[in-house]
């Protein structure tokens, strides 16, 4: 059962967690802690885990006295604000903006149909949007979608960039923004769109394995794209996947080298992460695996013998945070040696963790 904390408790936790980024008074202070994003069943939530491993459930609600909303998908923070991308069941998604110093509501950016992920570059934010189809079931057909450009001074949309169907994860590398086009509900895309950040125009489309959803960048500047494959539900609940794999995009030449994934049994979208030194890729198929970026074949030894709904690496200590998509949710913490260190109970259906230090 969800436990809603009151406003006083939320403000107390905020006062404990308030830390300046620097001794320089000109630096912008931020809340510190590990923020777990929970999709929820009716309303999503954020669970805050502090440095002493104390868990505050429904942290956003405790600070703002309102629920976060249905199905938040991603959470990211820049110097001044945290951005919570909320994909609602009604098709009227939005981005909730809170101040980084206290997590209080600052603005709501609206006008999205199905927002998914957010990235930052050059004083702008980029939000991927769209479910990849048009029409109503069973007559839905594939439809390309868009990335919206957000002016961070005004918190308004300034441009719409057409990309592939069902755009999900985005990564900034150099002066380019890479967008994984998952196909969305159509399950019919196998491309990564490359956007020039100077012009905010698509300059290249890269072909990868089917249904790319998540990406990481390694120490060499190469991108590792997790492609979940085209699902076949004809023998449901046994689901099979076609053309699944991990596609490695060379950061210099943009050439693609792909590895075939088999035995997929994970339903999550956030299925890949990179180690603290950016030399080890963690990914899921029928378990969690760890792969050195110089390897020429996928590993066969399981790093953690289980699958999860989402995964992230703590950039400070390199620990792997694994989200169980249950209600109530759980987050399991493993060391880079595969040793289970901690377990936390959080909100319903957690999908990711954002770390603030």
Protein backbone atom coordinates (compact mmCIF):
# COMPACT_ATOMS: atom_id res chain seq x y z
CA UNK A 1 0.00 0.00 0.00
CA UNK A 2 1.27 3.44 -0.86
CA UNK A 3 2.21 5.58 2.10
CA UNK A 4 1.59 9.30 1.53
CA UNK A 5 3.72 11.48 3.74
CA UNK A 6 2.45 14.88 4.77
CA UNK A 7 3.87 18.22 3.76
CA UNK A 8 5.64 18.83 7.05
CA UNK A 9 7.60 15.62 6.79
CA UNK A 10 8.51 16.38 3.20
CA UNK A 11 9.84 19.79 4.09
CA UNK A 12 11.78 18.30 6.99
CA UNK A 13 13.47 15.81 4.68
CA UNK A 14 14.19 18.63 2.24
CA UNK A 15 15.90 20.64 4.95
CA UNK A 16 18.08 17.65 5.84
CA UNK A 17 18.98 16.97 2.23
CA UNK A 18 19.68 20.58 1.24
CA UNK A 19 23.36 20.81 0.32
CA UNK A 20 25.21 23.32 -1.81
CA UNK A 21 27.02 22.07 -4.89
CA UNK A 22 30.03 24.13 -3.88
CA UNK A 23 31.32 26.50 -1.24
CA UNK A 24 30.96 29.22 -3.87
CA UNK A 25 27.79 31.19 -3.02
CA UNK A 26 27.18 31.72 -6.74
CA UNK A 27 26.69 28.00 -7.27
CA UNK A 28 23.11 26.76 -7.46
CA UNK A 29 22.22 24.38 -4.59
CA UNK A 30 20.45 21.09 -5.23
CA UNK A 31 18.74 18.41 -3.22
CA UNK A 32 20.95 15.39 -2.74
CA UNK A 33 19.86 11.79 -2.81
CA UNK A 34 18.69 8.93 -4.98
CA UNK A 35 15.35 9.61 -6.64
CA UNK A 36 13.43 6.49 -7.74
CA UNK A 37 10.76 7.13 -10.37
CA UNK A 38 7.67 4.95 -9.95
CA UNK A 39 5.18 4.63 -12.81
CA UNK A 40 2.40 3.59 -10.43
CA UNK A 41 -0.96 2.03 -11.23
CA UNK A 42 -3.17 5.11 -11.00
CA UNK A 43 -0.74 7.85 -9.96
CA UNK A 44 3.01 7.76 -10.25
CA UNK A 45 5.36 8.83 -7.50
CA UNK A 46 8.96 9.53 -6.57
CA UNK A 47 10.70 7.74 -3.71
CA UNK A 48 13.67 9.57 -2.21
CA UNK A 49 16.48 7.52 -0.65
CA UNK A 50 18.92 9.66 1.32
CA UNK A 51 22.59 9.07 2.15
CA UNK A 52 21.63 7.13 5.30
CA UNK A 53 19.33 4.82 3.27
CA UNK A 54 16.15 6.35 4.68
CA UNK A 55 13.27 6.08 2.20
CA UNK A 56 10.64 8.79 1.78
CA UNK A 57 7.71 7.56 -0.29
CA UNK A 58 5.65 9.96 -2.42
CA UNK A 59 8.27 12.67 -2.07
CA UNK A 60 6.88 14.87 -4.85
CA UNK A 61 3.41 14.73 -3.31
CA UNK A 62 4.72 15.48 0.17
CA UNK A 63 6.47 18.64 -1.04
CA UNK A 64 3.77 19.88 -3.44
CA UNK A 65 0.56 18.55 -1.84
CA UNK A 66 -0.55 17.11 -5.19
CA UNK A 67 -0.13 13.76 -6.87
CA UNK A 68 2.46 13.48 -9.63
CA UNK A 69 0.06 12.06 -12.23
CA UNK A 70 -0.29 8.91 -14.28
CA UNK A 71 2.64 6.94 -15.60
CA UNK A 72 5.77 9.11 -15.27
CA UNK A 73 8.41 7.70 -17.62
CA UNK A 74 11.66 9.54 -17.03
CA UNK A 75 13.36 11.93 -14.64
CA UNK A 76 16.40 14.14 -15.22
CA UNK A 77 18.04 17.13 -13.54
CA UNK A 78 20.18 20.01 -14.76
CA UNK A 79 21.75 22.72 -12.60
CA UNK A 80 18.50 24.48 -11.72
CA UNK A 81 15.57 22.16 -12.28
CA UNK A 82 14.40 18.57 -12.24
CA UNK A 83 12.17 17.48 -15.10
CA UNK A 84 9.62 14.68 -14.73
CA UNK A 85 8.21 13.39 -18.01
CA UNK A 86 4.66 12.13 -17.47
CA UNK A 87 2.87 10.00 -20.07
CA UNK A 88 -0.82 9.92 -19.11
CA UNK A 89 -3.41 7.34 -20.04
CA UNK A 90 -5.52 10.05 -21.69
CA UNK A 91 -2.92 10.97 -24.33
CA UNK A 92 -2.31 14.42 -22.80
CA UNK A 93 1.20 14.05 -21.44
CA UNK A 94 3.26 16.80 -19.87
CA UNK A 95 6.60 17.64 -18.31
CA UNK A 96 6.49 18.64 -14.66
CA UNK A 97 9.33 21.04 -13.77
CA UNK A 98 10.44 21.44 -10.16
CA UNK A 99 13.23 23.53 -8.69
CA UNK A 100 16.35 21.52 -7.93
CA UNK A 101 16.85 23.21 -4.58
CA UNK A 102 13.60 21.97 -2.97
CA UNK A 103 11.64 19.91 -5.54
CA UNK A 104 8.78 22.41 -5.53
CA UNK A 105 6.60 22.94 -8.58
CA UNK A 106 7.99 25.56 -10.97
CA UNK A 107 6.23 25.00 -14.30
CA UNK A 108 4.24 22.50 -16.35
CA UNK A 109 5.11 22.12 -20.03
CA UNK A 110 2.06 20.80 -21.88
CA UNK A 111 1.00 19.93 -25.42
CA UNK A 112 2.46 16.43 -25.70
CA UNK A 113 0.63 13.32 -26.84
CA UNK A 114 2.98 10.65 -25.48
CA UNK A 115 6.19 12.11 -24.02
CA UNK A 116 8.94 9.64 -23.10
CA UNK A 117 12.47 10.92 -22.41
CA UNK A 118 14.35 14.21 -21.97
CA UNK A 119 17.90 15.35 -22.75
CA UNK A 120 19.76 18.68 -22.36
CA UNK A 121 22.16 20.60 -24.59
CA UNK A 122 23.14 24.25 -25.17
CA UNK A 123 20.50 25.76 -22.92
CA UNK A 124 17.73 23.66 -24.45
CA UNK A 125 15.86 20.51 -23.55
CA UNK A 126 14.72 17.85 -25.99
CA UNK A 127 11.65 15.69 -25.31
CA UNK A 128 10.88 12.57 -27.36
CA UNK A 129 7.16 12.17 -28.07
CA UNK A 130 4.77 9.78 -29.79
CA UNK A 131 3.43 6.23 -29.60
CA UNK A 132 4.28 5.30 -33.19
CA UNK A 133 0.76 4.74 -34.55
CA UNK A 134 -2.23 6.57 -35.94
CA UNK A 135 -5.82 5.37 -36.11
CA UNK A 136 -7.72 3.08 -33.78
CA UNK A 137 -7.23 -0.62 -33.11
CA UNK A 138 -7.33 -2.88 -35.11
CA UNK A 139 -6.77 -0.41 -37.94
CA UNK A 140 -3.69 1.30 -36.49
CA UNK A 141 -0.84 2.04 -38.86
CA UNK A 142 2.75 3.12 -38.22
CA UNK A 143 3.34 6.86 -37.87
CA UNK A 144 6.58 8.77 -37.47
CA UNK A 145 6.78 11.00 -34.41
CA UNK A 146 8.83 13.91 -33.12
CA UNK A 147 11.30 15.42 -30.73
CA UNK A 148 10.26 18.75 -29.25
CA UNK A 149 12.80 21.48 -28.49
CA UNK A 150 12.22 23.32 -25.19
CA UNK A 151 13.55 26.78 -24.36
CA UNK A 152 14.76 26.45 -20.76
CA UNK A 153 14.41 30.18 -20.14
CA UNK A 154 10.69 30.24 -20.93
CA UNK A 155 9.87 26.53 -20.45
CA UNK A 156 8.03 26.52 -23.76
CA UNK A 157 8.23 24.40 -26.91
CA UNK A 158 10.01 26.20 -29.75
CA UNK A 159 10.40 23.55 -32.45
CA UNK A 160 9.21 20.12 -33.54
CA UNK A 161 11.69 17.75 -35.22
CA UNK A 162 10.28 14.75 -37.10
CA UNK A 163 12.07 11.50 -36.29
CA UNK A 164 11.12 7.81 -36.48
CA UNK A 165 8.18 6.03 -34.86
CA UNK A 166 7.95 5.82 -31.08
CA UNK A 167 11.10 7.77 -30.08
CA UNK A 168 12.45 6.83 -26.67
CA UNK A 169 15.95 7.33 -25.22
CA UNK A 170 18.13 10.23 -26.41
CA UNK A 171 21.85 10.80 -25.91
CA UNK A 172 23.92 13.91 -26.58
CA UNK A 173 27.33 13.21 -28.08
CA UNK A 174 29.41 16.12 -29.36
CA UNK A 175 27.10 18.44 -31.28
CA UNK A 176 24.67 15.63 -32.12
CA UNK A 177 21.57 14.23 -30.45
CA UNK A 178 20.92 10.53 -31.05
CA UNK A 179 17.30 9.37 -30.82
CA UNK A 180 16.27 5.70 -30.50
CA UNK A 181 13.11 5.11 -32.55
CA UNK A 182 11.45 2.10 -30.91
CA UNK A 183 8.43 1.84 -33.19
CA UNK A 184 6.18 2.48 -30.19
CA UNK A 185 2.92 0.57 -30.34
CA UNK A 186 3.58 -0.34 -33.96
CA UNK A 187 6.71 -2.34 -32.99
CA UNK A 188 7.97 -1.38 -36.43
CA UNK A 189 11.14 0.72 -36.47
CA UNK A 190 14.84 -0.04 -36.49
CA UNK A 191 16.46 3.37 -36.70
CA UNK A 192 18.36 5.95 -34.69
CA UNK A 193 17.83 9.56 -35.80
CA UNK A 194 20.83 11.90 -35.58
CA UNK A 195 19.99 15.56 -34.92
CA UNK A 196 22.47 18.40 -35.43
CA UNK A 197 22.27 20.52 -32.27
CA UNK A 198 23.32 23.68 -34.10
CA UNK A 199 20.41 23.53 -36.55
CA UNK A 200 18.01 21.20 -34.72
CA UNK A 201 17.55 19.22 -37.92
CA UNK A 202 17.92 15.49 -38.61
CA UNK A 203 21.14 14.99 -40.56
CA UNK A 204 21.34 11.19 -40.61
CA UNK A 205 19.31 8.05 -39.93
CA UNK A 206 21.19 4.96 -38.76
CA UNK A 207 19.79 1.43 -39.15
CA UNK A 208 20.14 -0.86 -36.12
CA UNK A 209 18.36 -3.95 -34.80
CA UNK A 210 14.56 -3.85 -34.37
CA UNK A 211 12.77 -1.68 -31.81
CA UNK A 212 15.67 0.32 -30.27
CA UNK A 213 14.59 1.66 -26.88
CA UNK A 214 17.59 2.47 -24.71
CA UNK A 215 21.18 3.67 -25.20
CA UNK A 216 24.42 4.36 -23.35
CA UNK A 217 27.70 5.97 -24.38
CA UNK A 218 31.06 4.38 -23.52
CA UNK A 219 34.48 5.89 -22.76
CA UNK A 220 35.40 5.87 -26.48
CA UNK A 221 32.30 7.83 -27.46
CA UNK A 222 30.62 4.80 -29.02
CA UNK A 223 26.89 4.29 -28.51
CA UNK A 224 25.39 0.98 -27.41
CA UNK A 225 21.74 0.69 -28.48
CA UNK A 226 19.45 -1.83 -26.79
CA UNK A 227 16.97 -3.19 -29.36
CA UNK A 228 14.20 -5.33 -27.87
CA UNK A 229 13.07 -6.87 -31.17
CA UNK A 230 9.61 -7.31 -32.73
CA UNK A 231 7.34 -9.18 -30.30
CA UNK A 232 5.16 -12.12 -31.33
CA UNK A 233 2.18 -12.59 -29.00
CA UNK A 234 0.57 -15.47 -30.91
CA UNK A 235 1.51 -17.95 -28.15
CA UNK A 236 0.82 -15.57 -25.27
CA UNK A 237 1.80 -15.62 -22.42
CA UNK A 238 4.90 -17.00 -24.14
CA UNK A 239 6.26 -14.06 -26.15
CA UNK A 240 9.06 -14.37 -28.69
CA UNK A 241 11.14 -11.57 -30.24
CA UNK A 242 12.54 -11.21 -33.76
CA UNK A 243 15.71 -9.31 -34.67
CA UNK A 244 16.52 -8.30 -31.09
CA UNK A 245 20.05 -7.25 -30.29
CA UNK A 246 22.53 -4.65 -29.13
CA UNK A 247 23.82 -2.39 -31.90
CA UNK A 248 27.12 -0.58 -31.31
CA UNK A 249 27.41 2.71 -33.23
CA UNK A 250 30.98 3.93 -33.77
CA UNK A 251 31.17 7.48 -32.44
CA UNK A 252 33.52 8.61 -35.22
CA UNK A 253 32.40 6.74 -38.34
CA UNK A 254 28.82 5.90 -37.21
CA UNK A 255 29.34 2.38 -38.56
CA UNK A 256 27.16 -0.24 -36.84
CA UNK A 257 28.18 -3.59 -35.38
CA UNK A 258 25.33 -5.62 -33.89
CA UNK A 259 25.12 -8.50 -31.43
CA UNK A 260 22.12 -10.84 -31.49
CA UNK A 261 20.05 -11.16 -28.29
CA UNK A 262 18.16 -14.40 -27.62
CA UNK A 263 15.98 -15.69 -24.80
CA UNK A 264 14.52 -12.28 -23.98
CA UNK A 265 12.19 -12.37 -20.98
CA UNK A 266 12.18 -8.77 -19.77
CA UNK A 267 9.28 -6.37 -20.33
CA UNK A 268 11.07 -3.19 -19.32
CA UNK A 269 12.28 -0.39 -21.58
CA UNK A 270 15.32 0.73 -19.58
CA UNK A 271 17.43 -2.37 -20.17
CA UNK A 272 21.00 -1.13 -20.57
CA UNK A 273 23.46 0.81 -18.39
CA UNK A 274 27.14 1.77 -18.41
CA UNK A 275 29.67 1.37 -15.60
CA UNK A 276 31.25 4.26 -13.71
CA UNK A 277 34.42 4.09 -15.85
CA UNK A 278 32.26 3.59 -18.97
CA UNK A 279 34.14 0.44 -19.93
CA UNK A 280 31.49 -2.15 -18.99
CA UNK A 281 28.01 -2.40 -20.48
CA UNK A 282 25.26 -3.95 -18.36
CA UNK A 283 22.23 -5.28 -20.22
CA UNK A 284 19.25 -7.60 -19.77
CA UNK A 285 17.87 -10.52 -21.75
CA UNK A 286 17.00 -13.58 -19.65
CA UNK A 287 19.19 -12.18 -16.85
CA UNK A 288 21.55 -9.25 -16.24
CA UNK A 289 24.89 -9.52 -18.04
CA UNK A 290 28.10 -7.47 -17.91
CA UNK A 291 30.12 -6.99 -21.10
CA UNK A 292 33.47 -5.28 -21.58
CA UNK A 293 33.31 -2.74 -24.41
CA UNK A 294 36.24 -4.45 -26.14
CA UNK A 295 34.51 -7.86 -26.26
CA UNK A 296 33.64 -9.23 -29.68
CA UNK A 297 30.81 -11.49 -28.49
CA UNK A 298 28.07 -11.30 -25.88
CA UNK A 299 28.88 -12.88 -22.51
CA UNK A 300 27.29 -16.17 -21.48
CA UNK A 301 27.87 -15.87 -17.73
CA UNK A 302 25.04 -14.19 -15.84
CA UNK A 303 25.95 -11.19 -13.70
CA UNK A 304 22.62 -11.28 -11.81
CA UNK A 305 20.38 -14.27 -12.45
CA UNK A 306 17.10 -12.33 -12.72
CA UNK A 307 15.42 -9.72 -14.90
CA UNK A 308 14.13 -6.32 -13.86
CA UNK A 309 11.97 -3.44 -15.07
CA UNK A 310 14.80 -0.91 -15.18
CA UNK A 311 18.49 -0.49 -14.40
CA UNK A 312 20.93 2.35 -13.67
CA UNK A 313 24.50 2.74 -12.44
CA UNK A 314 25.27 5.05 -9.55
CA UNK A 315 27.94 7.35 -11.07
CA UNK A 316 29.61 7.97 -7.70
CA UNK A 317 30.37 4.42 -6.57
CA UNK A 318 29.56 2.30 -9.63
CA UNK A 319 26.84 0.24 -7.94
CA UNK A 320 24.07 -1.17 -10.12
CA UNK A 321 20.50 -0.20 -9.14
CA UNK A 322 17.87 -2.66 -10.39
CA UNK A 323 14.13 -1.89 -10.28
CA UNK A 324 11.51 -4.59 -9.77
CA UNK A 325 8.30 -3.51 -11.50
CA UNK A 326 6.01 -4.65 -8.69
CA UNK A 327 3.50 -3.02 -6.35
CA UNK A 328 4.97 -2.10 -3.94
CA UNK A 329 8.15 -1.80 -5.91
CA UNK A 330 11.63 -2.81 -4.92
CA UNK A 331 15.10 -1.57 -5.81
CA UNK A 332 18.03 -3.95 -5.42
CA UNK A 333 21.59 -2.60 -5.27
CA UNK A 334 24.54 -4.69 -6.49
CA UNK A 335 28.25 -3.93 -6.46
CA UNK A 336 30.32 -3.94 -9.64
CA UNK A 337 31.46 -7.42 -8.53
CA UNK A 338 27.91 -8.76 -8.57
CA UNK A 339 27.41 -8.79 -4.80
CA UNK A 340 23.96 -7.82 -3.52
CA UNK A 341 24.39 -4.91 -1.12
CA UNK A 342 20.97 -3.46 -0.32
CA UNK A 343 17.27 -3.68 -1.00
CA UNK A 344 14.68 -0.91 -0.71
CA UNK A 345 10.89 -0.90 -0.83
CA UNK A 346 9.66 2.00 -2.97
CA UNK A 347 6.53 3.08 -4.84
CA UNK A 348 4.58 1.03 -7.36
CA UNK A 349 6.32 -0.09 -10.55
CA UNK A 350 9.69 1.70 -10.34
CA UNK A 351 11.52 2.04 -13.68
CA UNK A 352 14.65 4.11 -12.99
CA UNK A 353 16.78 5.96 -10.45
CA UNK A 354 18.26 9.47 -10.73
CA UNK A 355 21.33 10.20 -8.61
CA UNK A 356 22.05 13.70 -7.26
CA UNK A 357 25.32 14.48 -5.40
